[in-house]
Amino acid sequence: MIILLQLFLLAATTRRHNMKQPIRAMHWFRKGLRLHDNPSLLNSVDLKPSQLFCVYVIDSDCYQLLNCTPLRANFLLESLRNLDDNLQALGTRLYVLTGDPVKVLPEYWKKWEVTHLSLEEDETGEPYALKRDQMIYKEAKAKKINVFASPSETLISLDAYVNKAGGYEKVPSTMTAFTKLFGKFKLQKPMEAPTKRQMDGFENVAQGRCLVPEKLTDLPWPRTVDKASLDCVWNASNCENLTPIVRGGETAALAQLKKKTKVANWVAGFEKPKTSCTKVNEMSTTVLSPYMSLGCLSPRTFWWEVSEAFQRTKVSPSKPPVSLHGQLLWRDFNSLMARCANENEPGSWGKMKGNKYCRQIPWDDDELLLQAWKTGQTGYPWIDACMAQLKNEGWIHHLGRHAVACFLTRGDLWQHWEKGAEHFESHLLDADYALNGFNWMWLSCSGFFYQYFRCYSPIAFQQKNDKYGVYIRKHLPVLKDLPEKFIYDPSSAPAAVLKKAGVVLGENYPYRVVDHATISKGNMG
């Protein structure tokens, strides 16, 4: 990407330093909220500075906070607290600042006499991050701050993929071709976390200050967006008794990785399409995606843990794209597509207009249907249960995501995929700029996948896997007493059955908003 290349060159020009002056380094944590396999952090450590400030800026306009539920915000705060705990175990701490990084960071560069800045490079071209970084590099150059930016969000840097492909016009846009491109690289082993010996002894220059916020309500609202226009507006009562699918932080991420890779036969035999989306206790997938989205877990660490498990079993490993390695390749592929779309038309990823990969489809705009979908009031229990899990746990199995996305767009409601993407972005613990945009284009048959006739039935799709409806009964307790014959379609139940189960259609559970059998055929046209 030309702009990113310019930023890199601009950053490179800031690397001037009078070696007689003590090195006072700052590492700016952004999405890479971890100590392990963090090359930009290690760059600052390797300078052997007289002082190292590990900083996070609570930026209310960034992707992670701009429009998010209490669940998402809480996952971020948990991850920051854990990062602070891990840094304190090494003898230092995390300094948490608040505000616009472009204004806040230069203020603290001056206050703390910072000479060097390290950070994880953002390569996808996400509009806000791109503009922010451009201004940060400019400020750093003006103040003679030496900048080191290193990519570590993907297995291989996106620049390397583009260069190996021979330029943007030759970057593959299919998973099969991308996998071949990846095969041309030798993946490096992950880096170790810094040691206590390397990190101990730095002065705490803000005793009792610059702390991780204690409460979600301490977080600021966006600076540039009217609060009234946000979908997610919450108060203290909304922040009580949260039930996320997982808890945040690098320590939890590494523990979950160890747990999921302990049984080598399971790792080797993993095939994503064969996992269950209706389990209600132990999940059938790794549930590591939330940690990947904030960089609590390094993709290289994930990859090599899986490879190590292969060495402990005689089971022939499954292959990409369905294997665990394949899931990491999908992630890199999605990020590369976002990068390429934004290179072609800045800010086009996640949108239909101007997106080189997206079909232009005349979607309907029905706010009532959209709200019925968002709130899990469609009258189709499988769809509504998935949306309830999203609201309460911040996560849905990928097949559940497929079903609700298909239902909202090409399958039933014919609403714009951008609306669904915005809702997912605000609710998912694993919300990711590149992945979210890719998945919604794919599932709405707007890009990368065009088999529109493969339509998920909101009744029959999961009936064969969870006949009794255990998943529905958990997430929609109002239907828990329905017989299994009607649990997927209460509208077909006799009045006496509904009455016995305590279900009153139109009151405590809605009528179906559309007739799937009829409307899906019309949408396929």
Protein backbone atom coordinates (compact mmCIF):
# COMPACT_ATOMS: atom_id res chain seq x y z
CA MET A 1 0.00 0.00 0.00
CA ILE A 2 1.52 3.29 -1.13
CA ILE A 3 0.39 5.27 1.91
CA LEU A 4 1.67 2.66 4.35
CA LEU A 5 4.97 2.54 2.48
CA GLN A 6 5.21 6.31 2.81
CA LEU A 7 4.51 5.99 6.53
CA PHE A 8 7.22 3.37 6.84
CA LEU A 9 9.73 5.59 5.05
CA LEU A 10 8.65 8.52 7.20
CA ALA A 11 9.15 6.40 10.30
CA ALA A 12 12.54 5.31 9.05
CA THR A 13 13.65 8.93 8.76
CA THR A 14 12.93 9.47 12.46
CA ARG A 15 15.54 6.94 13.55
CA ARG A 16 18.15 9.51 14.48
CA HIS A 17 19.58 9.56 17.94
CA ASN A 18 22.48 11.11 19.75
CA MET A 19 23.99 8.05 21.39
CA LYS A 20 25.42 10.23 24.20
CA GLN A 21 21.86 10.92 25.30
CA PRO A 22 20.30 8.20 27.53
CA ILE A 23 17.74 6.10 25.71
CA ARG A 24 14.26 6.54 27.16
CA ALA A 25 11.95 4.22 25.25
CA MET A 26 8.19 3.96 25.03
CA HIS A 27 6.35 0.89 23.77
CA TRP A 28 2.83 1.73 22.65
CA PHE A 29 0.57 -1.29 23.01
CA ARG A 30 -2.31 -1.22 20.54
CA LYS A 31 -3.74 -4.60 19.50
CA GLY A 32 -0.72 -6.71 20.44
CA LEU A 33 -1.69 -6.96 24.13
CA ARG A 34 0.89 -9.57 25.04
CA LEU A 35 4.50 -10.05 26.10
CA HIS A 36 5.25 -13.23 24.15
CA ASP A 37 6.24 -12.99 20.47
CA ASN A 38 6.12 -9.20 20.46
CA PRO A 39 8.94 -8.04 18.16
CA SER A 40 8.28 -4.31 18.54
CA LEU A 41 8.35 -4.55 22.35
CA LEU A 42 11.56 -6.57 22.20
CA ASN A 43 13.09 -3.91 19.99
CA SER A 44 12.69 -1.39 22.79
CA VAL A 45 13.99 -3.91 25.35
CA ASP A 46 17.03 -4.69 23.19
CA LEU A 47 17.99 -1.02 23.21
CA LYS A 48 18.78 -1.49 26.92
CA PRO A 49 17.15 1.82 27.72
CA SER A 50 17.61 3.67 30.96
CA GLN A 51 13.82 3.87 31.12
CA LEU A 52 11.05 1.95 29.35
CA PHE A 53 7.45 3.12 29.46
CA CYS A 54 4.90 0.47 28.45
CA VAL A 55 1.85 2.47 27.41
CA TYR A 56 -1.73 1.88 26.31
CA VAL A 57 -3.95 4.76 25.21
CA ILE A 58 -7.68 4.40 25.82
CA ASP A 59 -8.82 5.91 22.56
CA SER A 60 -12.61 6.09 22.37
CA ASP A 61 -12.52 6.52 18.58
CA CYS A 62 -10.49 3.37 17.86
CA TYR A 63 -12.00 0.21 16.34
CA GLN A 64 -12.02 -1.60 19.69
CA LEU A 65 -14.11 1.04 21.50
CA LEU A 66 -15.96 3.20 18.98
CA ASN A 67 -19.24 1.27 19.13
CA CYS A 68 -19.06 -1.67 21.50
CA THR A 69 -21.14 -3.47 24.10
CA PRO A 70 -20.12 -3.69 27.78
CA LEU A 71 -18.98 -7.27 27.03
CA ARG A 72 -16.48 -6.12 24.42
CA ALA A 73 -15.27 -3.19 26.51
CA ASN A 74 -14.90 -5.45 29.55
CA PHE A 75 -12.86 -7.97 27.57
CA LEU A 76 -10.47 -5.15 26.67
CA LEU A 77 -10.17 -3.98 30.28
CA GLU A 78 -9.57 -7.56 31.48
CA SER A 79 -6.82 -7.89 28.88
CA LEU A 80 -5.22 -4.61 30.00
CA ARG A 81 -5.35 -5.63 33.67
CA ASN A 82 -3.69 -8.92 32.84
CA LEU A 83 -1.04 -7.17 30.77
CA ASP A 84 -0.35 -4.86 33.71
CA ASP A 85 -0.14 -7.84 36.09
CA ASN A 86 2.33 -9.59 33.79
CA LEU A 87 4.46 -6.47 33.44
CA GLN A 88 4.46 -5.98 37.20
CA ALA A 89 5.66 -9.55 37.61
CA LEU A 90 8.68 -8.47 35.56
CA GLY A 91 9.28 -5.43 37.73
CA THR A 92 7.60 -2.74 35.65
CA ARG A 93 4.03 -1.70 34.84
CA LEU A 94 1.52 -0.56 32.23
CA TYR A 95 0.83 3.17 31.96
CA VAL A 96 -2.73 3.76 30.76
CA LEU A 97 -3.40 7.13 29.17
CA THR A 98 -6.73 8.43 27.88
CA GLY A 99 -7.62 10.55 24.86
CA ASP A 100 -6.54 11.11 21.27
CA PRO A 101 -3.14 9.41 20.86
CA VAL A 102 -2.05 12.13 18.45
CA LYS A 103 -2.38 14.66 21.27
CA VAL A 104 -1.70 12.52 24.33
CA LEU A 105 1.47 10.73 23.24
CA PRO A 106 3.49 13.84 22.30
CA GLU A 107 2.51 15.33 25.65
CA TYR A 108 4.03 12.35 27.45
CA TRP A 109 7.03 12.14 25.13
CA LYS A 110 7.93 15.61 26.40
CA LYS A 111 6.97 14.95 30.00
CA TRP A 112 8.95 11.70 30.19
CA GLU A 113 11.76 12.77 27.82
CA VAL A 114 11.11 9.87 25.46
CA THR A 115 13.69 9.28 22.72
CA HIS A 116 12.41 6.05 21.12
CA LEU A 117 8.94 4.71 20.29
CA SER A 118 8.05 1.13 19.33
CA LEU A 119 4.66 -0.16 18.19
CA GLU A 120 2.96 -2.97 16.32
CA GLU A 121 2.37 -1.90 12.73
CA ASP A 122 -1.23 -1.86 11.50
CA GLU A 123 -1.16 -3.25 7.98
CA THR A 124 -4.79 -3.65 6.91
CA GLY A 125 -5.42 0.00 6.10
CA GLU A 126 -8.28 0.38 8.59
CA PRO A 127 -9.15 4.06 8.02
CA TYR A 128 -8.95 5.42 11.56
CA ALA A 129 -5.75 3.55 12.39
CA LEU A 130 -4.15 4.65 9.13
CA LYS A 131 -4.88 8.33 9.72
CA ARG A 132 -3.84 8.10 13.38
CA ASP A 133 -0.52 6.49 12.55
CA GLN A 134 0.21 8.95 9.78
CA MET A 135 -0.15 11.80 12.24
CA ILE A 136 1.82 10.00 14.96
CA TYR A 137 4.76 9.43 12.60
CA LYS A 138 4.65 13.08 11.59
CA GLU A 139 4.68 14.18 15.25
CA ALA A 140 7.52 11.79 16.03
CA LYS A 141 9.60 13.12 13.16
CA ALA A 142 9.04 16.70 14.26
CA LYS A 143 10.12 15.86 17.81
CA LYS A 144 13.04 13.68 16.69
CA ILE A 145 11.57 10.53 18.25
CA ASN A 146 13.09 7.35 16.84
CA VAL A 147 10.25 5.05 15.70
CA PHE A 148 10.32 1.28 15.25
CA ALA A 149 7.15 -0.36 13.85
CA SER A 150 6.95 -4.10 13.34
CA PRO A 151 4.08 -6.21 11.94
CA SER A 152 3.05 -9.16 14.09
CA GLU A 153 -0.73 -9.40 13.67
CA THR A 154 -0.45 -12.07 10.96
CA LEU A 155 1.75 -15.11 10.39
CA ILE A 156 3.55 -13.35 7.54
CA SER A 157 3.55 -9.59 7.10
CA LEU A 158 1.09 -8.32 4.50
CA ASP A 159 3.89 -6.40 2.79
CA ALA A 160 5.75 -9.69 2.34
CA TYR A 161 2.71 -11.35 0.77
CA VAL A 162 2.25 -8.48 -1.67
CA ASN A 163 5.92 -8.45 -2.64
CA LYS A 164 6.09 -12.23 -3.04
CA ALA A 165 2.97 -12.18 -5.24
CA GLY A 166 4.60 -9.58 -7.49
CA GLY A 167 2.43 -6.60 -6.59
CA TYR A 168 -1.16 -5.84 -5.64
CA GLU A 169 -2.56 -6.73 -9.05
CA LYS A 170 -1.17 -10.26 -8.66
CA VAL A 171 -2.28 -10.95 -5.09
CA PRO A 172 -4.50 -14.07 -5.12
CA SER A 173 -8.16 -13.62 -4.23
CA THR A 174 -8.99 -17.29 -3.58
CA MET A 175 -8.03 -19.33 -0.54
CA THR A 176 -6.51 -22.07 -2.68
CA ALA A 177 -4.17 -19.68 -4.46
CA PHE A 178 -3.38 -17.86 -1.23
CA THR A 179 -2.38 -21.13 0.46
CA LYS A 180 0.11 -21.71 -2.36
CA LEU A 181 1.49 -18.21 -1.80
CA PHE A 182 1.90 -18.88 1.92
CA GLY A 183 3.77 -22.08 1.05
CA LYS A 184 6.58 -19.99 -0.44
CA PHE A 185 7.51 -18.68 3.00
CA LYS A 186 9.37 -20.22 5.90
CA LEU A 187 7.46 -19.33 9.04
CA GLN A 188 9.72 -18.13 11.85
CA LYS A 189 9.40 -19.49 15.38
CA PRO A 190 7.77 -17.14 17.90
CA MET A 191 9.95 -14.92 20.06
CA GLU A 192 10.22 -15.38 23.80
CA ALA A 193 8.72 -12.84 26.17
CA PRO A 194 11.15 -10.41 27.80
CA THR A 195 12.61 -11.58 31.11
CA LYS A 196 12.50 -10.01 34.55
CA ARG A 197 16.20 -9.32 34.26
CA GLN A 198 15.57 -7.27 31.12
CA MET A 199 12.55 -5.38 32.48
CA ASP A 200 13.26 -4.89 36.19
CA GLY A 201 14.53 -1.63 37.62
CA PHE A 202 12.62 0.94 35.57
CA GLU A 203 11.30 3.81 37.65
CA ASN A 204 7.55 4.09 38.24
CA VAL A 205 7.08 7.72 37.25
CA ALA A 206 3.33 7.84 37.85
CA GLN A 207 2.77 6.20 41.22
CA GLY A 208 -0.96 5.70 41.70
CA ARG A 209 -1.74 7.33 38.35
CA CYS A 210 -2.18 6.20 34.72
CA LEU A 211 -3.97 3.06 35.90
CA VAL A 212 -6.32 0.68 34.10
CA PRO A 213 -9.88 1.96 34.68
CA GLU A 214 -11.63 0.09 37.47
CA LYS A 215 -15.12 0.35 35.99
CA LEU A 216 -16.52 0.19 32.49
CA THR A 217 -18.34 3.43 33.16
CA ASP A 218 -14.94 5.12 33.55
CA LEU A 219 -14.36 4.67 29.82
CA PRO A 220 -14.89 7.80 27.70
CA TRP A 221 -17.49 8.03 24.95
CA PRO A 222 -16.28 8.63 21.37
CA ARG A 223 -14.95 12.10 20.62
CA THR A 224 -16.09 12.41 17.01
CA VAL A 225 -19.41 10.55 17.04
CA ASP A 226 -22.59 11.77 18.68
CA LYS A 227 -23.44 9.44 21.58
CA ALA A 228 -27.11 9.44 20.52
CA SER A 229 -26.17 7.92 17.16
CA LEU A 230 -24.47 4.88 18.69
CA ASP A 231 -26.22 1.50 18.77
CA CYS A 232 -24.45 0.59 22.00
CA VAL A 233 -25.17 3.08 24.76
CA TRP A 234 -24.96 1.67 28.26
CA ASN A 235 -24.80 2.55 31.94
CA ALA A 236 -23.69 0.90 35.18
CA SER A 237 -26.67 -1.47 35.32
CA ASN A 238 -25.76 -2.87 31.89
CA CYS A 239 -22.28 -3.72 33.18
CA GLU A 240 -23.41 -6.05 35.96
CA ASN A 241 -23.32 -9.87 35.86
CA LEU A 242 -21.60 -10.10 32.49
CA THR A 243 -21.31 -13.64 31.08
CA PRO A 244 -18.67 -13.64 28.31
CA ILE A 245 -17.75 -16.90 26.58
CA VAL A 246 -14.14 -16.39 27.79
CA ARG A 247 -12.26 -13.93 29.99
CA GLY A 248 -9.66 -11.56 28.60
CA GLY A 249 -5.88 -11.47 28.80
CA GLU A 250 -2.68 -13.11 27.61
CA THR A 251 -2.54 -15.49 30.58
CA ALA A 252 -6.01 -16.85 29.82
CA ALA A 253 -5.15 -17.04 26.11
CA LEU A 254 -2.04 -19.16 26.67
CA ALA A 255 -3.90 -21.38 29.15
CA GLN A 256 -6.70 -21.93 26.63
CA LEU A 257 -4.15 -22.71 23.92
CA LYS A 258 -2.44 -25.28 26.14
CA LYS A 259 -5.78 -26.83 27.05
CA LYS A 260 -6.94 -27.12 23.45
CA THR A 261 -3.64 -28.50 22.10
CA LYS A 262 -3.11 -30.98 24.94
CA VAL A 263 -4.98 -33.78 23.14
CA ALA A 264 -2.86 -34.23 20.04
CA ASN A 265 -5.33 -36.53 18.30
CA TRP A 266 -8.03 -33.85 18.53
CA VAL A 267 -5.66 -31.22 17.14
CA ALA A 268 -4.63 -33.41 14.22
CA GLY A 269 -8.17 -34.47 13.40
CA PHE A 270 -9.72 -31.00 13.68
CA GLU A 271 -11.92 -30.03 10.75
CA LYS A 272 -13.85 -26.79 11.27
CA PRO A 273 -17.01 -27.75 9.30
CA LYS A 274 -17.40 -30.90 11.40
CA THR A 275 -17.44 -29.08 14.74
CA SER A 276 -20.70 -28.66 16.64
CA CYS A 277 -22.39 -25.28 16.93
CA THR A 278 -24.98 -26.44 19.47
CA LYS A 279 -22.79 -27.52 22.39
CA VAL A 280 -23.64 -25.60 25.53
CA ASN A 281 -20.83 -26.63 27.87
CA GLU A 282 -17.41 -27.47 26.41
CA MET A 283 -17.06 -25.71 23.05
CA SER A 284 -16.17 -27.82 20.00
CA THR A 285 -13.67 -25.26 18.69
CA THR A 286 -10.71 -23.55 20.35
CA VAL A 287 -12.55 -20.28 21.17
CA LEU A 288 -9.21 -18.52 20.78
CA SER A 289 -10.50 -15.95 18.30
CA PRO A 290 -11.29 -13.30 20.96
CA TYR A 291 -7.65 -13.41 22.07
CA MET A 292 -6.42 -13.15 18.50
CA SER A 293 -8.53 -10.06 17.87
CA LEU A 294 -6.73 -8.08 20.61
CA GLY A 295 -3.37 -9.72 20.08
CA CYS A 296 -3.40 -11.45 23.47
CA LEU A 297 -2.22 -14.51 21.54
CA SER A 298 0.37 -14.46 18.78
CA PRO A 299 -0.64 -16.24 15.56
CA ARG A 300 2.86 -17.72 15.29
CA THR A 301 2.62 -19.12 18.81
CA PHE A 302 -0.74 -20.67 17.91
CA TRP A 303 0.70 -22.16 14.69
CA TRP A 304 3.74 -23.74 16.33
CA GLU A 305 1.75 -25.16 19.24
CA VAL A 306 -0.44 -26.94 16.69
CA SER A 307 2.65 -28.15 14.83
CA GLU A 308 4.11 -29.47 18.08
CA ALA A 309 0.90 -31.39 18.77
CA PHE A 310 1.22 -33.05 15.35
CA GLN A 311 4.52 -34.51 16.54
CA ARG A 312 2.77 -36.23 19.45
CA THR A 313 0.30 -38.28 17.45
CA LYS A 314 0.21 -40.85 14.72
CA VAL A 315 -3.05 -39.41 13.37
CA SER A 316 -2.55 -37.86 9.94
CA PRO A 317 -3.17 -34.13 10.33
CA SER A 318 -6.11 -32.55 8.55
CA LYS A 319 -5.22 -30.01 5.89
CA PRO A 320 -6.06 -26.37 5.21
CA PRO A 321 -8.50 -24.79 4.78
CA VAL A 322 -10.45 -26.84 7.39
CA SER A 323 -7.58 -27.62 9.78
CA LEU A 324 -6.41 -25.51 12.70
CA HIS A 325 -3.52 -24.28 10.58
CA GLY A 326 -6.12 -23.51 7.95
CA GLN A 327 -7.99 -21.23 10.35
CA LEU A 328 -4.86 -19.14 10.79
CA LEU A 329 -4.38 -19.02 7.03
CA TRP A 330 -7.96 -17.80 6.58
CA ARG A 331 -7.11 -15.03 9.01
CA ASP A 332 -4.04 -13.94 7.04
CA PHE A 333 -5.99 -14.20 3.77
CA ASN A 334 -8.80 -12.00 5.10
CA SER A 335 -6.30 -9.39 6.29
CA LEU A 336 -4.58 -9.40 2.93
CA MET A 337 -7.88 -8.88 1.11
CA ALA A 338 -8.67 -5.93 3.37
CA ARG A 339 -5.24 -4.49 2.63
CA CYS A 340 -5.71 -4.88 -1.13
CA ALA A 341 -9.23 -3.41 -1.14
CA ASN A 342 -8.04 -0.37 0.79
CA GLU A 343 -5.04 0.01 -1.47
CA ASN A 344 -7.40 0.13 -4.44
CA GLU A 345 -9.91 2.45 -2.76
CA PRO A 346 -8.98 3.74 0.72
CA GLY A 347 -11.58 2.86 3.35
CA SER A 348 -13.58 0.59 1.04
CA TRP A 349 -13.18 -2.58 3.10
CA GLY A 350 -16.26 -3.37 5.14
CA LYS A 351 -18.40 -1.51 2.63
CA MET A 352 -20.17 -2.37 -0.60
CA LYS A 353 -19.52 0.86 -2.48
CA GLY A 354 -16.03 1.16 -3.92
CA ASN A 355 -14.97 -2.30 -2.74
CA LYS A 356 -13.22 -4.08 -5.58
CA TYR A 357 -14.21 -7.48 -4.20
CA CYS A 358 -17.89 -6.77 -3.55
CA ARG A 359 -20.91 -7.24 -5.81
CA GLN A 360 -23.30 -4.30 -5.92
CA ILE A 361 -26.66 -5.67 -4.76
CA PRO A 362 -29.88 -3.64 -4.28
CA TRP A 363 -30.59 -4.64 -0.68
CA ASP A 364 -33.82 -3.63 1.05
CA ASP A 365 -33.87 -1.25 4.02
CA ASP A 366 -36.50 -2.33 6.56
CA GLU A 367 -35.71 -1.14 10.08
CA LEU A 368 -38.38 -3.37 11.67
CA LEU A 369 -36.92 -6.52 10.12
CA LEU A 370 -33.41 -5.44 11.06
CA GLN A 371 -34.43 -4.85 14.67
CA ALA A 372 -36.24 -8.19 14.84
CA TRP A 373 -33.01 -9.87 13.75
CA LYS A 374 -30.77 -7.88 16.10
CA THR A 375 -32.95 -8.55 19.14
CA GLY A 376 -33.61 -12.23 18.41
CA GLN A 377 -37.30 -11.72 17.70
CA THR A 378 -37.64 -13.34 14.27
CA GLY A 379 -39.89 -16.21 15.37
CA TYR A 380 -37.29 -18.76 14.30
CA PRO A 381 -35.80 -20.23 17.52
CA TRP A 382 -32.48 -21.33 16.03
CA ILE A 383 -31.81 -17.83 14.68
CA ASP A 384 -33.06 -16.13 17.84
CA ALA A 385 -31.01 -18.40 20.11
CA CYS A 386 -27.84 -17.52 18.18
CA MET A 387 -28.59 -13.82 18.53
CA ALA A 388 -29.26 -14.30 22.24
CA GLN A 389 -25.89 -15.99 22.68
CA LEU A 390 -24.24 -13.12 20.80
CA LYS A 391 -25.84 -10.63 23.16
CA ASN A 392 -25.11 -12.56 26.36
CA GLU A 393 -21.73 -14.16 25.62
CA GLY A 394 -20.24 -12.09 22.80
CA TRP A 395 -19.66 -15.11 20.63
CA ILE A 396 -21.36 -17.58 18.25
CA HIS A 397 -19.97 -20.72 16.62
CA HIS A 398 -19.07 -20.11 12.98
CA LEU A 399 -22.00 -22.20 11.71
CA GLY A 400 -24.35 -20.11 13.81
CA ARG A 401 -22.81 -16.99 12.29
CA HIS A 402 -23.39 -18.49 8.86
CA ALA A 403 -27.03 -19.14 9.64
CA VAL A 404 -27.90 -15.71 11.05
CA ALA A 405 -25.97 -13.88 8.31
CA CYS A 406 -27.69 -15.86 5.58
CA PHE A 407 -31.06 -15.24 7.23
CA LEU A 408 -30.51 -11.47 7.41
CA THR A 409 -29.28 -11.12 3.84
CA ARG A 410 -29.81 -13.40 0.86
CA GLY A 411 -31.76 -16.14 2.64
CA ASP A 412 -34.78 -14.40 4.13
CA LEU A 413 -34.83 -10.74 5.13
CA TRP A 414 -32.80 -9.28 2.20
CA GLN A 415 -31.22 -6.61 4.41
CA HIS A 416 -27.82 -5.07 3.71
CA TRP A 417 -24.86 -7.09 4.94
CA GLU A 418 -23.23 -3.87 6.16
CA LYS A 419 -25.97 -3.61 8.83
CA GLY A 420 -25.24 -7.11 10.02
CA ALA A 421 -21.49 -6.46 10.01
CA GLU A 422 -21.97 -3.35 12.15
CA HIS A 423 -23.99 -5.33 14.70
CA PHE A 424 -21.44 -8.13 14.85
CA GLU A 425 -18.65 -5.58 15.14
CA SER A 426 -20.24 -4.05 18.23
CA HIS A 427 -21.07 -7.36 19.96
CA LEU A 428 -18.42 -9.97 19.12
CA LEU A 429 -15.50 -10.40 21.50
CA ASP A 430 -13.49 -11.46 18.45
CA ALA A 431 -14.57 -8.50 16.30
CA ASP A 432 -11.86 -7.97 13.71
CA TYR A 433 -11.87 -5.32 10.98
CA ALA A 434 -10.58 -7.62 8.23
CA LEU A 435 -12.34 -10.84 9.20
CA ASN A 436 -15.73 -9.28 9.86
CA GLY A 437 -15.85 -7.60 6.47
CA PHE A 438 -14.72 -10.74 4.66
CA ASN A 439 -17.19 -13.04 6.40
CA TRP A 440 -20.19 -10.83 5.73
CA MET A 441 -19.35 -10.49 2.05
CA TRP A 442 -18.89 -14.26 1.83
CA LEU A 443 -22.08 -15.18 3.68
CA SER A 444 -24.25 -12.72 1.76
CA CYS A 445 -22.73 -14.00 -1.51
CA SER A 446 -21.46 -10.48 -2.16
CA GLY A 447 -17.84 -11.51 -2.52
CA PHE A 448 -15.50 -14.53 -2.64
CA PHE A 449 -18.42 -17.03 -2.49
CA TYR A 450 -21.33 -17.00 -4.92
CA GLN A 451 -23.26 -20.25 -4.40
CA TYR A 452 -26.40 -18.36 -3.42
CA PHE A 453 -28.55 -21.48 -3.82
CA ARG A 454 -26.87 -22.94 -0.71
CA CYS A 455 -29.29 -21.40 1.75
CA TYR A 456 -29.46 -22.30 5.44
CA SER A 457 -32.90 -23.35 6.62
CA PRO A 458 -33.62 -21.65 9.97
CA ILE A 459 -35.62 -24.76 10.94
CA ALA A 460 -33.97 -27.83 9.47
CA PHE A 461 -30.31 -26.77 9.48
CA GLN A 462 -29.58 -27.64 13.11
CA GLN A 463 -32.53 -29.94 13.79
CA LYS A 464 -30.50 -32.92 12.65
CA ASN A 465 -27.60 -32.08 14.99
CA ASP A 466 -29.54 -31.04 18.09
CA LYS A 467 -32.90 -32.72 17.76
CA TYR A 468 -33.98 -32.00 21.32
CA GLY A 469 -32.98 -28.34 21.01
CA VAL A 470 -30.62 -28.16 24.00
CA TYR A 471 -28.97 -25.04 22.59
CA ILE A 472 -32.31 -23.30 22.03
CA ARG A 473 -33.57 -24.21 25.50
CA LYS A 474 -30.47 -22.68 27.07
CA HIS A 475 -30.51 -19.40 25.16
CA LEU A 476 -34.30 -19.03 24.83
CA PRO A 477 -35.63 -20.23 28.20
CA VAL A 478 -39.15 -19.09 27.26
CA LEU A 479 -39.26 -22.13 24.94
CA LYS A 480 -37.64 -24.61 27.32
CA ASP A 481 -40.83 -26.61 27.92
CA LEU A 482 -41.78 -27.09 24.27
CA PRO A 483 -41.70 -30.69 22.99
CA GLU A 484 -38.78 -31.42 20.66
CA LYS A 485 -41.20 -31.77 17.74
CA PHE A 486 -41.93 -28.03 17.91
CA ILE A 487 -38.80 -26.53 19.47
CA TYR A 488 -37.50 -25.34 16.07
CA ASP A 489 -40.88 -24.14 14.84
CA PRO A 490 -43.29 -23.06 17.61
CA SER A 491 -45.68 -21.59 15.03
CA SER A 492 -46.54 -25.12 13.91
CA ALA A 493 -47.47 -26.26 17.44
CA PRO A 494 -51.14 -26.75 18.38
CA ALA A 495 -52.60 -24.17 20.76
CA ALA A 496 -52.85 -26.76 23.56
CA VAL A 497 -49.14 -27.60 23.27
CA LEU A 498 -48.16 -23.94 23.35
CA LYS A 499 -50.37 -23.30 26.36
CA LYS A 500 -48.91 -26.23 28.29
CA ALA A 501 -45.38 -24.96 27.54
CA GLY A 502 -46.29 -21.43 28.62
CA VAL A 503 -45.63 -19.99 25.16
CA VAL A 504 -47.96 -17.27 23.89
CA LEU A 505 -47.13 -16.33 20.31
CA GLY A 506 -47.15 -12.60 19.81
CA GLU A 507 -46.60 -11.99 23.53
CA ASN A 508 -43.68 -13.85 25.10
CA TYR A 509 -42.39 -15.20 21.77
CA PRO A 510 -42.95 -13.60 18.34
CA TYR A 511 -44.71 -14.87 15.28
CA ARG A 512 -42.39 -15.56 12.36
CA VAL A 513 -41.44 -12.31 10.62
CA VAL A 514 -41.34 -14.06 7.23
CA ASP A 515 -42.20 -17.44 5.78
CA HIS A 516 -38.82 -18.99 4.98
CA ALA A 517 -40.14 -21.57 2.54
CA THR A 518 -41.68 -18.89 0.36
CA ILE A 519 -39.37 -15.92 0.66
CA SER A 520 -36.09 -17.81 0.31
CA LYS A 521 -37.17 -19.11 -3.08
CA GLY A 522 -38.09 -15.61 -4.17
CA ASN A 523 -34.71 -14.27 -3.03
CA MET A 524 -32.90 -16.91 -5.07
CA GLY A 525 -34.95 -15.65 -7.99
